[in-house]
Amino acid sequence: MRRTSRRSQVHQAIAVSALLLAALFLLPLAVVVPFRSALFGREEPVDETEQEEAPPPVPSGGGLDAARPLRVLDGEAVLEMDLGTYLAGVVRAEMPAAFEMEALKAQAVAARTYTLYKLQSGGNHGETADVCTDHTCCQAYLNAEAARANWGDRAAAYEAKVESAVRETDGEAILYGGVPILAVFHSSSAGRTRAAGEVWVNDLPYLRPVDSPEPGDRIPNYYSRVEFPAEELKAKLLAAFPEADLSGGMEGWLKDPAADSAGNVGTVSVGGVAAKGTQVRAALGLRSACFTWEAQKGGMAFFVTGYGHGVGLSQYGASAMAAAGAGYREILTHYYTGVTVEPYQG
């Protein structure tokens, strides 16, 4: 009996010890298991390097240009864009992208100023649009896709130059008396630009004749020659000057030329009718009004220098000035008399 009691006590002690031992091993598991996933689970790796958001695309223009909306008539469609985007298209179309960077900047400022002048003067399109893409009315325009096709493997570099020219002159305009001027421009003069009144009706104080460094040997078709058979020449002249008397010999159809301040044909008699050299240029499709002529057997030959109306900024002259070290503001204040170049928010 005593032995049985003692054996029972031993069994109880063993059982208690076993329970305690089990508790000793299971207690850590009870603590760990609920958090096993957090402690030992596989998680996605974390990139601890600093995360930066990708910068937004850089617009062609800066803040001032981007803040000015524009309606551009392109054929029958009206395109809505900001001024910077429009100016990039104008620079692509109006000046070779291979030109000097400072010349491209001068072109960007001239194009911006011309656009602002159009906006303030009411333009030519009423309520339909602010400007158009017709160079005979406003300014030429070329979108990026079309320009890339023209530029080929140089497209990326040329596009970067054009966009930089617009962006780095953000909001700048050519001002006379604090307001944007009629900033007309042309391809190349005959060594000197012309006064506005020598081409159009009125003179403007900032569109005066100035010397222009034209690198004629590097300008395509700087010197051009056009020949007309006698009958074709007569038809063209009579279409433009119906009162002209061209009944005599061809040698007398054009007489008494008078040069203007830039050496262009200022006035000339067409069959007895007083005409401007610019009118004869338009009638015959000559590259400029700086021309001479010579009667030849069966026709007339015209010898022409330069390209364009010759007023304001000469694009080839601007590039020559830039190559010689001039900045765009120096170029602009040379070609436009008595002006300042500064940001304009009016």
C-alpha atoms as a PDB file:
ATOM      1  CA  MET A   1       0.000   0.000   0.000  1.00  0.00           C
ATOM      2  CA  ARG A   2       2.722   2.392   0.903  1.00  0.00           C
ATOM      3  CA  ARG A   3       4.650   1.282  -2.197  1.00  0.00           C
ATOM      4  CA  THR A   4       1.615   2.003  -4.389  1.00  0.00           C
ATOM      5  CA  SER A   5       1.199   5.490  -2.919  1.00  0.00           C
ATOM      6  CA  ARG A   6       4.827   6.305  -3.448  1.00  0.00           C
ATOM      7  CA  ARG A   7       4.668   5.053  -7.062  1.00  0.00           C
ATOM      8  CA  SER A   8       1.639   7.280  -7.666  1.00  0.00           C
ATOM      9  CA  GLN A   9       3.487  10.320  -6.383  1.00  0.00           C
ATOM     10  CA  VAL A  10       6.422   9.552  -8.641  1.00  0.00           C
ATOM     11  CA  HIS A  11       4.091   9.281 -11.662  1.00  0.00           C
ATOM     12  CA  GLN A  12       2.493  12.643 -10.757  1.00  0.00           C
ATOM     13  CA  ALA A  13       5.895  14.275 -10.456  1.00  0.00           C
ATOM     14  CA  ILE A  14       6.907  12.913 -13.828  1.00  0.00           C
ATOM     15  CA  ALA A  15       3.682  14.151 -15.414  1.00  0.00           C
ATOM     16  CA  VAL A  16       4.087  17.631 -13.934  1.00  0.00           C
ATOM     17  CA  SER A  17       7.690  17.726 -15.115  1.00  0.00           C
ATOM     18  CA  ALA A  18       6.621  16.649 -18.582  1.00  0.00           C
ATOM     19  CA  LEU A  19       3.993  19.385 -18.695  1.00  0.00           C
ATOM     20  CA  LEU A  20       6.468  21.987 -17.552  1.00  0.00           C
ATOM     21  CA  LEU A  21       9.009  20.770 -20.073  1.00  0.00           C
ATOM     22  CA  ALA A  22       6.418  20.914 -22.872  1.00  0.00           C
ATOM     23  CA  ALA A  23       5.408  24.408 -21.838  1.00  0.00           C
ATOM     24  CA  LEU A  24       9.052  25.411 -21.879  1.00  0.00           C
ATOM     25  CA  PHE A  25       9.389  24.378 -25.522  1.00  0.00           C
ATOM     26  CA  LEU A  26       5.949  25.409 -26.774  1.00  0.00           C
ATOM     27  CA  LEU A  27       5.816  28.884 -25.229  1.00  0.00           C
ATOM     28  CA  PRO A  28       8.330  30.413 -27.708  1.00  0.00           C
ATOM     29  CA  LEU A  29       6.407  28.881 -30.584  1.00  0.00           C
ATOM     30  CA  ALA A  30       3.188  30.352 -29.289  1.00  0.00           C
ATOM     31  CA  VAL A  31       4.829  33.748 -29.357  1.00  0.00           C
ATOM     32  CA  VAL A  32       6.525  33.334 -32.745  1.00  0.00           C
ATOM     33  CA  VAL A  33       3.899  31.540 -34.873  1.00  0.00           C
ATOM     34  CA  PRO A  34       1.436  34.476 -35.169  1.00  0.00           C
ATOM     35  CA  PHE A  35       4.283  36.634 -36.523  1.00  0.00           C
ATOM     36  CA  ARG A  36       6.041  33.950 -38.590  1.00  0.00           C
ATOM     37  CA  SER A  37       5.102  35.552 -41.888  1.00  0.00           C
ATOM     38  CA  ALA A  38       6.437  38.884 -40.781  1.00  0.00           C
ATOM     39  CA  LEU A  39       9.634  37.398 -39.378  1.00  0.00           C
ATOM     40  CA  PHE A  40      10.484  34.710 -41.891  1.00  0.00           C
ATOM     41  CA  GLY A  41       8.179  35.259 -44.841  1.00  0.00           C
ATOM     42  CA  ARG A  42       9.540  36.262 -48.337  1.00  0.00           C
ATOM     43  CA  GLU A  43       8.818  39.883 -49.148  1.00  0.00           C
ATOM     44  CA  GLU A  44       9.309  41.883 -52.324  1.00  0.00           C
ATOM     45  CA  PRO A  45      12.737  43.516 -52.340  1.00  0.00           C
ATOM     46  CA  VAL A  46      12.738  47.196 -51.528  1.00  0.00           C
ATOM     47  CA  ASP A  47      14.801  49.582 -53.624  1.00  0.00           C
ATOM     48  CA  GLU A  48      16.274  51.878 -51.034  1.00  0.00           C
ATOM     49  CA  THR A  49      17.781  54.237 -53.578  1.00  0.00           C
ATOM     50  CA  GLU A  50      16.118  57.649 -53.791  1.00  0.00           C
ATOM     51  CA  GLN A  51      13.148  57.565 -56.107  1.00  0.00           C
ATOM     52  CA  GLU A  52      12.678  60.623 -58.375  1.00  0.00           C
ATOM     53  CA  GLU A  53       9.715  61.291 -60.576  1.00  0.00           C
ATOM     54  CA  ALA A  54      10.482  61.510 -64.293  1.00  0.00           C
ATOM     55  CA  PRO A  55      10.615  65.176 -65.337  1.00  0.00           C
ATOM     56  CA  PRO A  56       7.763  66.336 -67.543  1.00  0.00           C
ATOM     57  CA  PRO A  57       8.525  66.935 -71.224  1.00  0.00           C
ATOM     58  CA  VAL A  58      10.242  70.253 -71.758  1.00  0.00           C
ATOM     59  CA  PRO A  59       8.006  72.534 -73.887  1.00  0.00           C
ATOM     60  CA  SER A  60       9.443  74.450 -76.831  1.00  0.00           C
ATOM     61  CA  GLY A  61       8.885  77.733 -75.015  1.00  0.00           C
ATOM     62  CA  GLY A  62       9.353  78.882 -71.445  1.00  0.00           C
ATOM     63  CA  GLY A  63       6.808  80.119 -68.958  1.00  0.00           C
ATOM     64  CA  LEU A  64       5.818  83.359 -70.692  1.00  0.00           C
ATOM     65  CA  ASP A  65       5.305  81.744 -74.084  1.00  0.00           C
ATOM     66  CA  ALA A  66       3.497  78.745 -72.608  1.00  0.00           C
ATOM     67  CA  ALA A  67       1.024  81.043 -70.844  1.00  0.00           C
ATOM     68  CA  ARG A  68      -0.122  82.669 -74.080  1.00  0.00           C
ATOM     69  CA  PRO A  69      -2.701  80.583 -76.020  1.00  0.00           C
ATOM     70  CA  LEU A  70      -2.924  80.941 -79.789  1.00  0.00           C
ATOM     71  CA  ARG A  71      -5.373  79.937 -82.528  1.00  0.00           C
ATOM     72  CA  VAL A  72      -3.505  79.096 -85.716  1.00  0.00           C
ATOM     73  CA  LEU A  73      -5.343  78.755 -89.033  1.00  0.00           C
ATOM     74  CA  ASP A  74      -3.759  75.887 -90.973  1.00  0.00           C
ATOM     75  CA  GLY A  75      -5.632  75.464 -94.238  1.00  0.00           C
ATOM     76  CA  GLU A  76      -9.238  74.927 -93.200  1.00  0.00           C
ATOM     77  CA  ALA A  77      -8.398  73.799 -89.649  1.00  0.00           C
ATOM     78  CA  VAL A  78      -7.862  75.996 -86.604  1.00  0.00           C
ATOM     79  CA  LEU A  79      -5.143  74.576 -84.352  1.00  0.00           C
ATOM     80  CA  GLU A  80      -4.947  75.552 -80.695  1.00  0.00           C
ATOM     81  CA  MET A  81      -1.472  75.740 -79.204  1.00  0.00           C
ATOM     82  CA  ASP A  82       0.657  77.935 -76.974  1.00  0.00           C
ATOM     83  CA  LEU A  83       2.933  80.623 -78.371  1.00  0.00           C
ATOM     84  CA  GLY A  84       6.104  78.619 -77.731  1.00  0.00           C
ATOM     85  CA  THR A  85       4.882  75.660 -79.766  1.00  0.00           C
ATOM     86  CA  TYR A  86       3.872  77.971 -82.607  1.00  0.00           C
ATOM     87  CA  LEU A  87       7.221  79.785 -82.602  1.00  0.00           C
ATOM     88  CA  ALA A  88       9.152  76.517 -82.841  1.00  0.00           C
ATOM     89  CA  GLY A  89       7.134  75.737 -85.974  1.00  0.00           C
ATOM     90  CA  VAL A  90       7.873  79.177 -87.415  1.00  0.00           C
ATOM     91  CA  VAL A  91      11.619  78.943 -86.774  1.00  0.00           C
ATOM     92  CA  ARG A  92      11.711  75.458 -88.355  1.00  0.00           C
ATOM     93  CA  ALA A  93      10.048  76.838 -91.480  1.00  0.00           C
ATOM     94  CA  GLU A  94      11.593  80.296 -91.772  1.00  0.00           C
ATOM     95  CA  MET A  95      15.321  79.802 -91.049  1.00  0.00           C
ATOM     96  CA  PRO A  96      17.691  76.914 -91.858  1.00  0.00           C
ATOM     97  CA  ALA A  97      18.393  75.042 -88.614  1.00  0.00           C
ATOM     98  CA  ALA A  98      22.045  74.743 -89.643  1.00  0.00           C
ATOM     99  CA  PHE A  99      22.436  78.490 -89.031  1.00  0.00           C
ATOM    100  CA  GLU A 100      24.348  79.856 -86.057  1.00  0.00           C
ATOM    101  CA  MET A 101      22.563  79.510 -82.710  1.00  0.00           C
ATOM    102  CA  GLU A 102      22.484  83.248 -82.050  1.00  0.00           C
ATOM    103  CA  ALA A 103      20.898  83.798 -85.460  1.00  0.00           C
ATOM    104  CA  LEU A 104      18.191  81.243 -84.600  1.00  0.00           C
ATOM    105  CA  LYS A 105      17.547  83.112 -81.351  1.00  0.00           C
ATOM    106  CA  ALA A 106      17.253  86.382 -83.284  1.00  0.00           C
ATOM    107  CA  GLN A 107      14.770  84.687 -85.610  1.00  0.00           C
ATOM    108  CA  ALA A 108      12.756  83.374 -82.654  1.00  0.00           C
ATOM    109  CA  VAL A 109      12.512  86.868 -81.134  1.00  0.00           C
ATOM    110  CA  ALA A 110      11.605  88.435 -84.477  1.00  0.00           C
ATOM    111  CA  ALA A 111       8.910  85.796 -85.053  1.00  0.00           C
ATOM    112  CA  ARG A 112       7.533  86.281 -81.531  1.00  0.00           C
ATOM    113  CA  THR A 113       7.463  90.056 -82.013  1.00  0.00           C
ATOM    114  CA  TYR A 114       5.749  89.780 -85.401  1.00  0.00           C
ATOM    115  CA  THR A 115       3.113  87.516 -83.804  1.00  0.00           C
ATOM    116  CA  LEU A 116       2.523  89.916 -80.913  1.00  0.00           C
ATOM    117  CA  TYR A 117       2.205  92.785 -83.388  1.00  0.00           C
ATOM    118  CA  LYS A 118      -0.426  90.789 -85.289  1.00  0.00           C
ATOM    119  CA  LEU A 119      -2.323  90.057 -82.081  1.00  0.00           C
ATOM    120  CA  GLN A 120      -2.364  93.704 -81.046  1.00  0.00           C
ATOM    121  CA  SER A 121      -3.269  95.027 -84.487  1.00  0.00           C
ATOM    122  CA  GLY A 122      -6.142  92.586 -84.946  1.00  0.00           C
ATOM    123  CA  GLY A 123      -4.492  90.366 -87.564  1.00  0.00           C
ATOM    124  CA  ASN A 124      -6.129  89.273 -90.804  1.00  0.00           C
ATOM    125  CA  HIS A 125      -8.515  86.549 -89.667  1.00  0.00           C
ATOM    126  CA  GLY A 126     -11.111  88.259 -87.511  1.00  0.00           C
ATOM    127  CA  GLU A 127     -12.689  85.986 -84.912  1.00  0.00           C
ATOM    128  CA  THR A 128     -11.583  82.823 -86.717  1.00  0.00           C
ATOM    129  CA  ALA A 129      -7.920  82.740 -85.713  1.00  0.00           C
ATOM    130  CA  ASP A 130      -5.042  84.848 -84.438  1.00  0.00           C
ATOM    131  CA  VAL A 131      -2.497  83.944 -87.135  1.00  0.00           C
ATOM    132  CA  CYS A 132      -2.141  81.501 -90.021  1.00  0.00           C
ATOM    133  CA  THR A 133       0.523  79.258 -91.555  1.00  0.00           C
ATOM    134  CA  ASP A 134       0.543  81.011 -94.951  1.00  0.00           C
ATOM    135  CA  HIS A 135       3.835  82.882 -95.329  1.00  0.00           C
ATOM    136  CA  THR A 136       2.264  85.361 -97.755  1.00  0.00           C
ATOM    137  CA  CYS A 137      -0.122  86.451 -94.995  1.00  0.00           C
ATOM    138  CA  CYS A 138       1.579  85.739 -91.665  1.00  0.00           C
ATOM    139  CA  GLN A 139       4.578  83.443 -91.177  1.00  0.00           C
ATOM    140  CA  ALA A 140       5.470  80.005 -92.522  1.00  0.00           C
ATOM    141  CA  TYR A 141       4.973  77.097 -90.116  1.00  0.00           C
ATOM    142  CA  LEU A 142       6.355  73.545 -90.091  1.00  0.00           C
ATOM    143  CA  ASN A 143       5.429  70.947 -87.482  1.00  0.00           C
ATOM    144  CA  ALA A 144       8.029  68.693 -85.886  1.00  0.00           C
ATOM    145  CA  GLU A 145       7.081  65.590 -87.878  1.00  0.00           C
ATOM    146  CA  ALA A 146       7.423  67.322 -91.242  1.00  0.00           C
ATOM    147  CA  ALA A 147      10.702  68.923 -90.162  1.00  0.00           C
ATOM    148  CA  ARG A 148      12.148  65.551 -89.137  1.00  0.00           C
ATOM    149  CA  ALA A 149      11.343  64.180 -92.584  1.00  0.00           C
ATOM    150  CA  ASN A 150      13.184  67.122 -94.169  1.00  0.00           C
ATOM    151  CA  TRP A 151      16.202  67.015 -91.855  1.00  0.00           C
ATOM    152  CA  GLY A 152      16.910  63.284 -92.027  1.00  0.00           C
ATOM    153  CA  ASP A 153      19.684  62.036 -89.730  1.00  0.00           C
ATOM    154  CA  ARG A 154      20.305  65.576 -88.413  1.00  0.00           C
ATOM    155  CA  ALA A 155      16.740  65.881 -87.133  1.00  0.00           C
ATOM    156  CA  ALA A 156      17.468  65.415 -83.421  1.00  0.00           C
ATOM    157  CA  ALA A 157      20.258  67.994 -83.343  1.00  0.00           C
ATOM    158  CA  TYR A 158      18.328  70.510 -85.410  1.00  0.00           C
ATOM    159  CA  GLU A 159      15.152  70.146 -83.354  1.00  0.00           C
ATOM    160  CA  ALA A 160      17.157  70.689 -80.164  1.00  0.00           C
ATOM    161  CA  LYS A 161      18.597  73.916 -81.617  1.00  0.00           C
ATOM    162  CA  VAL A 162      15.186  75.234 -82.641  1.00  0.00           C
ATOM    163  CA  GLU A 163      13.578  74.480 -79.282  1.00  0.00           C
ATOM    164  CA  SER A 164      16.519  76.008 -77.417  1.00  0.00           C
ATOM    165  CA  ALA A 165      16.298  79.166 -79.522  1.00  0.00           C
ATOM    166  CA  VAL A 166      12.650  79.597 -78.524  1.00  0.00           C
ATOM    167  CA  ARG A 167      13.050  78.563 -74.887  1.00  0.00           C
ATOM    168  CA  GLU A 168      16.177  80.632 -74.199  1.00  0.00           C
ATOM    169  CA  THR A 169      14.474  83.803 -75.462  1.00  0.00           C
ATOM    170  CA  ASP A 170      11.203  83.090 -73.628  1.00  0.00           C
ATOM    171  CA  GLY A 171       8.853  86.067 -73.817  1.00  0.00           C
ATOM    172  CA  GLU A 172      11.421  88.450 -75.310  1.00  0.00           C
ATOM    173  CA  ALA A 173      10.243  90.892 -77.960  1.00  0.00           C
ATOM    174  CA  ILE A 174      11.623  93.780 -79.999  1.00  0.00           C
ATOM    175  CA  LEU A 175      10.076  96.976 -78.651  1.00  0.00           C
ATOM    176  CA  TYR A 176       9.933 100.542 -79.922  1.00  0.00           C
ATOM    177  CA  GLY A 177       8.409 102.965 -77.447  1.00  0.00           C
ATOM    178  CA  GLY A 178       7.556  99.986 -75.229  1.00  0.00           C
ATOM    179  CA  VAL A 179       5.383  98.117 -77.756  1.00  0.00           C
ATOM    180  CA  PRO A 180       6.151  95.271 -80.209  1.00  0.00           C
ATOM    181  CA  ILE A 181       7.254  96.350 -83.673  1.00  0.00           C
ATOM    182  CA  LEU A 182       6.361  95.060 -87.131  1.00  0.00           C
ATOM    183  CA  ALA A 183       9.381  92.757 -87.125  1.00  0.00           C
ATOM    184  CA  VAL A 184       9.585  91.824 -90.801  1.00  0.00           C
ATOM    185  CA  PHE A 185      12.519  89.760 -92.091  1.00  0.00           C
ATOM    186  CA  HIS A 186      13.881  88.373 -95.348  1.00  0.00           C
ATOM    187  CA  SER A 187      16.419  85.844 -96.572  1.00  0.00           C
ATOM    188  CA  SER A 188      19.253  88.031 -97.891  1.00  0.00           C
ATOM    189  CA  SER A 189      19.725  91.611 -98.992  1.00  0.00           C
ATOM    190  CA  ALA A 190      22.114  93.017-101.560  1.00  0.00           C
ATOM    191  CA  GLY A 191      24.519  94.196 -98.857  1.00  0.00           C
ATOM    192  CA  ARG A 192      22.168  96.792 -97.362  1.00  0.00           C
ATOM    193  CA  THR A 193      18.599  96.563 -96.111  1.00  0.00           C
ATOM    194  CA  ARG A 194      15.798  98.826 -97.324  1.00  0.00           C
ATOM    195  CA  ALA A 195      13.510 101.351 -95.644  1.00  0.00           C
ATOM    196  CA  ALA A 196       9.892 100.255 -95.229  1.00  0.00           C
ATOM    197  CA  GLY A 197       8.604 103.141 -97.350  1.00  0.00           C
ATOM    198  CA  GLU A 198      10.775 102.052-100.270  1.00  0.00           C
ATOM    199  CA  VAL A 199       8.858  98.776-100.422  1.00  0.00           C
ATOM    200  CA  TRP A 200       5.418  99.529 -98.991  1.00  0.00           C
ATOM    201  CA  VAL A 201       3.413 102.710 -98.439  1.00  0.00           C
ATOM    202  CA  ASN A 202       4.727 104.184 -95.199  1.00  0.00           C
ATOM    203  CA  ASP A 203       8.099 104.510 -93.515  1.00  0.00           C
ATOM    204  CA  LEU A 204       8.553 103.231 -89.972  1.00  0.00           C
ATOM    205  CA  PRO A 205      11.247 104.676 -87.681  1.00  0.00           C
ATOM    206  CA  TYR A 206      12.670 101.285 -86.766  1.00  0.00           C
ATOM    207  CA  LEU A 207      12.775  99.898 -90.350  1.00  0.00           C
ATOM    208  CA  ARG A 208      15.638 101.960 -91.723  1.00  0.00           C
ATOM    209  CA  PRO A 209      18.411 100.962 -94.159  1.00  0.00           C
ATOM    210  CA  VAL A 210      21.475  99.374 -92.510  1.00  0.00           C
ATOM    211  CA  ASP A 211      24.533  97.586 -93.852  1.00  0.00           C
ATOM    212  CA  SER A 212      24.240  93.801 -93.909  1.00  0.00           C
ATOM    213  CA  PRO A 213      27.171  91.343 -94.113  1.00  0.00           C
ATOM    214  CA  GLU A 214      25.851  88.973 -96.788  1.00  0.00           C
ATOM    215  CA  PRO A 215      28.207  86.042 -97.506  1.00  0.00           C
ATOM    216  CA  GLY A 216      27.127  85.880-101.156  1.00  0.00           C
ATOM    217  CA  ASP A 217      29.486  83.030-102.047  1.00  0.00           C
ATOM    218  CA  ARG A 218      27.765  80.807 -99.452  1.00  0.00           C
ATOM    219  CA  ILE A 219      24.145  81.765-100.168  1.00  0.00           C
ATOM    220  CA  PRO A 220      22.291  79.484-102.593  1.00  0.00           C
ATOM    221  CA  ASN A 221      21.125  81.451-105.668  1.00  0.00           C
ATOM    222  CA  TYR A 222      22.350  84.732-104.199  1.00  0.00           C
ATOM    223  CA  TYR A 223      23.024  85.759-107.784  1.00  0.00           C
ATOM    224  CA  SER A 224      20.279  84.544-110.094  1.00  0.00           C
ATOM    225  CA  ARG A 225      19.463  84.966-113.772  1.00  0.00           C
ATOM    226  CA  VAL A 226      16.004  84.773-115.347  1.00  0.00           C
ATOM    227  CA  GLU A 227      15.243  84.935-119.055  1.00  0.00           C
ATOM    228  CA  PHE A 228      11.887  85.729-120.692  1.00  0.00           C
ATOM    229  CA  PRO A 229      10.941  85.396-124.363  1.00  0.00           C
ATOM    230  CA  ALA A 230       9.629  88.731-125.672  1.00  0.00           C
ATOM    231  CA  GLU A 231       5.992  87.685-125.851  1.00  0.00           C
ATOM    232  CA  GLU A 232       5.988  86.181-122.371  1.00  0.00           C
ATOM    233  CA  LEU A 233       7.609  89.309-120.920  1.00  0.00           C
ATOM    234  CA  LYS A 234       5.043  91.540-122.640  1.00  0.00           C
ATOM    235  CA  ALA A 235       2.159  89.470-121.303  1.00  0.00           C
ATOM    236  CA  LYS A 236       3.466  89.586-117.730  1.00  0.00           C
ATOM    237  CA  LEU A 237       4.124  93.329-117.812  1.00  0.00           C
ATOM    238  CA  LEU A 238       0.720  94.175-119.331  1.00  0.00           C
ATOM    239  CA  ALA A 239      -1.034  91.998-116.748  1.00  0.00           C
ATOM    240  CA  ALA A 240       0.556  94.083-113.979  1.00  0.00           C
ATOM    241  CA  PHE A 241       0.556  97.449-115.815  1.00  0.00           C
ATOM    242  CA  PRO A 242      -2.364  97.461-118.281  1.00  0.00           C
ATOM    243  CA  GLU A 243      -1.788 101.135-119.175  1.00  0.00           C
ATOM    244  CA  ALA A 244       1.777 100.486-120.333  1.00  0.00           C
ATOM    245  CA  ASP A 245       2.602 101.133-123.991  1.00  0.00           C
ATOM    246  CA  LEU A 246       4.694  98.199-125.149  1.00  0.00           C
ATOM    247  CA  SER A 247       4.118  98.759-128.848  1.00  0.00           C
ATOM    248  CA  GLY A 248       7.716  99.715-129.548  1.00  0.00           C
ATOM    249  CA  GLY A 249      10.871  97.668-129.468  1.00  0.00           C
ATOM    250  CA  MET A 250      11.590  95.523-126.404  1.00  0.00           C
ATOM    251  CA  GLU A 251      14.620  97.650-125.547  1.00  0.00           C
ATOM    252  CA  GLY A 252      12.298 100.528-124.580  1.00  0.00           C
ATOM    253  CA  TRP A 253       9.811  98.657-122.414  1.00  0.00           C
ATOM    254  CA  LEU A 254      11.786  99.290-119.213  1.00  0.00           C
ATOM    255  CA  LYS A 255      13.448 102.681-118.891  1.00  0.00           C
ATOM    256  CA  ASP A 256      14.838 105.233-116.444  1.00  0.00           C
ATOM    257  CA  PRO A 257      15.557 103.040-113.402  1.00  0.00           C
ATOM    258  CA  ALA A 258      16.265 104.904-110.149  1.00  0.00           C
ATOM    259  CA  ALA A 259      18.069 103.138-107.313  1.00  0.00           C
ATOM    260  CA  ASP A 260      16.848 103.367-103.732  1.00  0.00           C
ATOM    261  CA  SER A 261      19.059 103.727-100.642  1.00  0.00           C
ATOM    262  CA  ALA A 262      20.010 100.042-100.742  1.00  0.00           C
ATOM    263  CA  GLY A 263      20.837  99.877-104.445  1.00  0.00           C
ATOM    264  CA  ASN A 264      17.609  98.148-105.409  1.00  0.00           C
ATOM    265  CA  VAL A 265      15.399  99.375-108.237  1.00  0.00           C
ATOM    266  CA  GLY A 266      13.319 102.008-106.489  1.00  0.00           C
ATOM    267  CA  THR A 267      11.309 103.169-109.489  1.00  0.00           C
ATOM    268  CA  VAL A 268      11.286 102.362-113.197  1.00  0.00           C
ATOM    269  CA  SER A 269       9.194 103.332-116.215  1.00  0.00           C
ATOM    270  CA  VAL A 270       7.262 100.394-117.676  1.00  0.00           C
ATOM    271  CA  GLY A 271       6.022 101.448-121.102  1.00  0.00           C
ATOM    272  CA  GLY A 272       5.616 104.998-119.840  1.00  0.00           C
ATOM    273  CA  VAL A 273       3.955 103.985-116.553  1.00  0.00           C
ATOM    274  CA  ALA A 274       5.820 104.859-113.337  1.00  0.00           C
ATOM    275  CA  ALA A 275       6.269 101.693-111.291  1.00  0.00           C
ATOM    276  CA  LYS A 276       8.080 100.575-108.156  1.00  0.00           C
ATOM    277  CA  GLY A 277      10.843  98.041-108.513  1.00  0.00           C
ATOM    278  CA  THR A 278       8.944  95.834-106.065  1.00  0.00           C
ATOM    279  CA  GLN A 279       5.966  95.830-108.435  1.00  0.00           C
ATOM    280  CA  VAL A 280       8.135  94.712-111.369  1.00  0.00           C
ATOM    281  CA  ARG A 281       9.713  92.073-109.131  1.00  0.00           C
ATOM    282  CA  ALA A 282       6.270  90.725-108.247  1.00  0.00           C
ATOM    283  CA  ALA A 283       5.065  90.804-111.860  1.00  0.00           C
ATOM    284  CA  LEU A 284       8.048  88.796-113.091  1.00  0.00           C
ATOM    285  CA  GLY A 285       8.574  86.581-110.038  1.00  0.00           C
ATOM    286  CA  LEU A 286      12.140  87.779-109.432  1.00  0.00           C
ATOM    287  CA  ARG A 287      13.925  86.852-106.209  1.00  0.00           C
ATOM    288  CA  SER A 288      14.423  90.504-105.215  1.00  0.00           C
ATOM    289  CA  ALA A 289      14.055  94.063-106.490  1.00  0.00           C
ATOM    290  CA  CYS A 290      17.809  94.388-106.839  1.00  0.00           C
ATOM    291  CA  PHE A 291      17.965  93.628-110.547  1.00  0.00           C
ATOM    292  CA  THR A 292      19.323  94.787-113.881  1.00  0.00           C
ATOM    293  CA  TRP A 293      18.234  93.681-117.349  1.00  0.00           C
ATOM    294  CA  GLU A 294      19.604  93.188-120.781  1.00  0.00           C
ATOM    295  CA  ALA A 295      17.786  92.799-124.093  1.00  0.00           C
ATOM    296  CA  GLN A 296      18.884  89.710-125.953  1.00  0.00           C
ATOM    297  CA  LYS A 297      17.894  88.152-129.237  1.00  0.00           C
ATOM    298  CA  GLY A 298      14.246  87.246-128.892  1.00  0.00           C
ATOM    299  CA  GLY A 299      13.958  88.057-125.190  1.00  0.00           C
ATOM    300  CA  MET A 300      15.166  89.789-122.032  1.00  0.00           C
ATOM    301  CA  ALA A 301      17.542  88.554-119.314  1.00  0.00           C
ATOM    302  CA  PHE A 302      17.301  89.765-115.698  1.00  0.00           C
ATOM    303  CA  PHE A 303      20.232  89.574-113.271  1.00  0.00           C
ATOM    304  CA  VAL A 304      19.130  89.537-109.623  1.00  0.00           C
ATOM    305  CA  THR A 305      20.977  89.822-106.296  1.00  0.00           C
ATOM    306  CA  GLY A 306      19.603  88.611-102.940  1.00  0.00           C
ATOM    307  CA  TYR A 307      16.243  87.158-102.003  1.00  0.00           C
ATOM    308  CA  GLY A 308      13.241  88.825-100.404  1.00  0.00           C
ATOM    309  CA  HIS A 309      11.835  92.321 -99.886  1.00  0.00           C
ATOM    310  CA  GLY A 310      15.009  93.501 -98.167  1.00  0.00           C
ATOM    311  CA  VAL A 311      13.367  95.144 -95.128  1.00  0.00           C
ATOM    312  CA  GLY A 312      14.275  94.400 -91.515  1.00  0.00           C
ATOM    313  CA  LEU A 313      16.293  91.370 -90.425  1.00  0.00           C
ATOM    314  CA  SER A 314      18.393  89.650 -93.086  1.00  0.00           C
ATOM    315  CA  GLN A 315      18.565  85.982 -92.100  1.00  0.00           C
ATOM    316  CA  TYR A 316      21.864  85.264 -93.860  1.00  0.00           C
ATOM    317  CA  GLY A 317      23.250  88.537 -92.555  1.00  0.00           C
ATOM    318  CA  ALA A 318      22.201  87.548 -89.028  1.00  0.00           C
ATOM    319  CA  SER A 319      23.991  84.220 -89.330  1.00  0.00           C
ATOM    320  CA  ALA A 320      27.119  85.988 -90.607  1.00  0.00           C
ATOM    321  CA  MET A 321      27.005  88.381 -87.643  1.00  0.00           C
ATOM    322  CA  ALA A 322      26.557  85.460 -85.240  1.00  0.00           C
ATOM    323  CA  ALA A 323      29.515  83.625 -86.789  1.00  0.00           C
ATOM    324  CA  ALA A 324      31.588  86.764 -86.150  1.00  0.00           C
ATOM    325  CA  GLY A 325      30.622  86.682 -82.451  1.00  0.00           C
ATOM    326  CA  ALA A 326      27.497  88.852 -82.205  1.00  0.00           C
ATOM    327  CA  GLY A 327      24.742  87.844 -79.785  1.00  0.00           C
ATOM    328  CA  TYR A 328      21.091  87.803 -80.790  1.00  0.00           C
ATOM    329  CA  ARG A 329      20.285  91.103 -79.078  1.00  0.00           C
ATOM    330  CA  GLU A 330      23.148  92.815 -80.905  1.00  0.00           C
ATOM    331  CA  ILE A 331      21.896  91.365 -84.182  1.00  0.00           C
ATOM    332  CA  LEU A 332      18.352  92.580 -83.576  1.00  0.00           C
ATOM    333  CA  THR A 333      19.303  96.084 -82.475  1.00  0.00           C
ATOM    334  CA  HIS A 334      21.466  96.351 -85.612  1.00  0.00           C
ATOM    335  CA  TYR A 335      18.717  95.456 -88.066  1.00  0.00           C
ATOM    336  CA  TYR A 336      15.909  97.301 -86.242  1.00  0.00           C
ATOM    337  CA  THR A 337      16.779 100.924 -85.458  1.00  0.00           C
ATOM    338  CA  GLY A 338      16.244 102.436 -82.003  1.00  0.00           C
ATOM    339  CA  VAL A 339      14.672  99.371 -80.403  1.00  0.00           C
ATOM    340  CA  THR A 340      15.113  97.420 -77.165  1.00  0.00           C
ATOM    341  CA  VAL A 341      14.914  93.652 -76.699  1.00  0.00           C
ATOM    342  CA  GLU A 342      13.275  92.568 -73.461  1.00  0.00           C
ATOM    343  CA  PRO A 343      10.534  90.353 -71.994  1.00  0.00           C
ATOM    344  CA  TYR A 344       7.070  91.582 -72.907  1.00  0.00           C
ATOM    345  CA  GLN A 345       3.892  90.580 -71.064  1.00  0.00           C
ATOM    346  CA  GLY A 346       1.440  93.065 -72.539  1.00  0.00           C
END
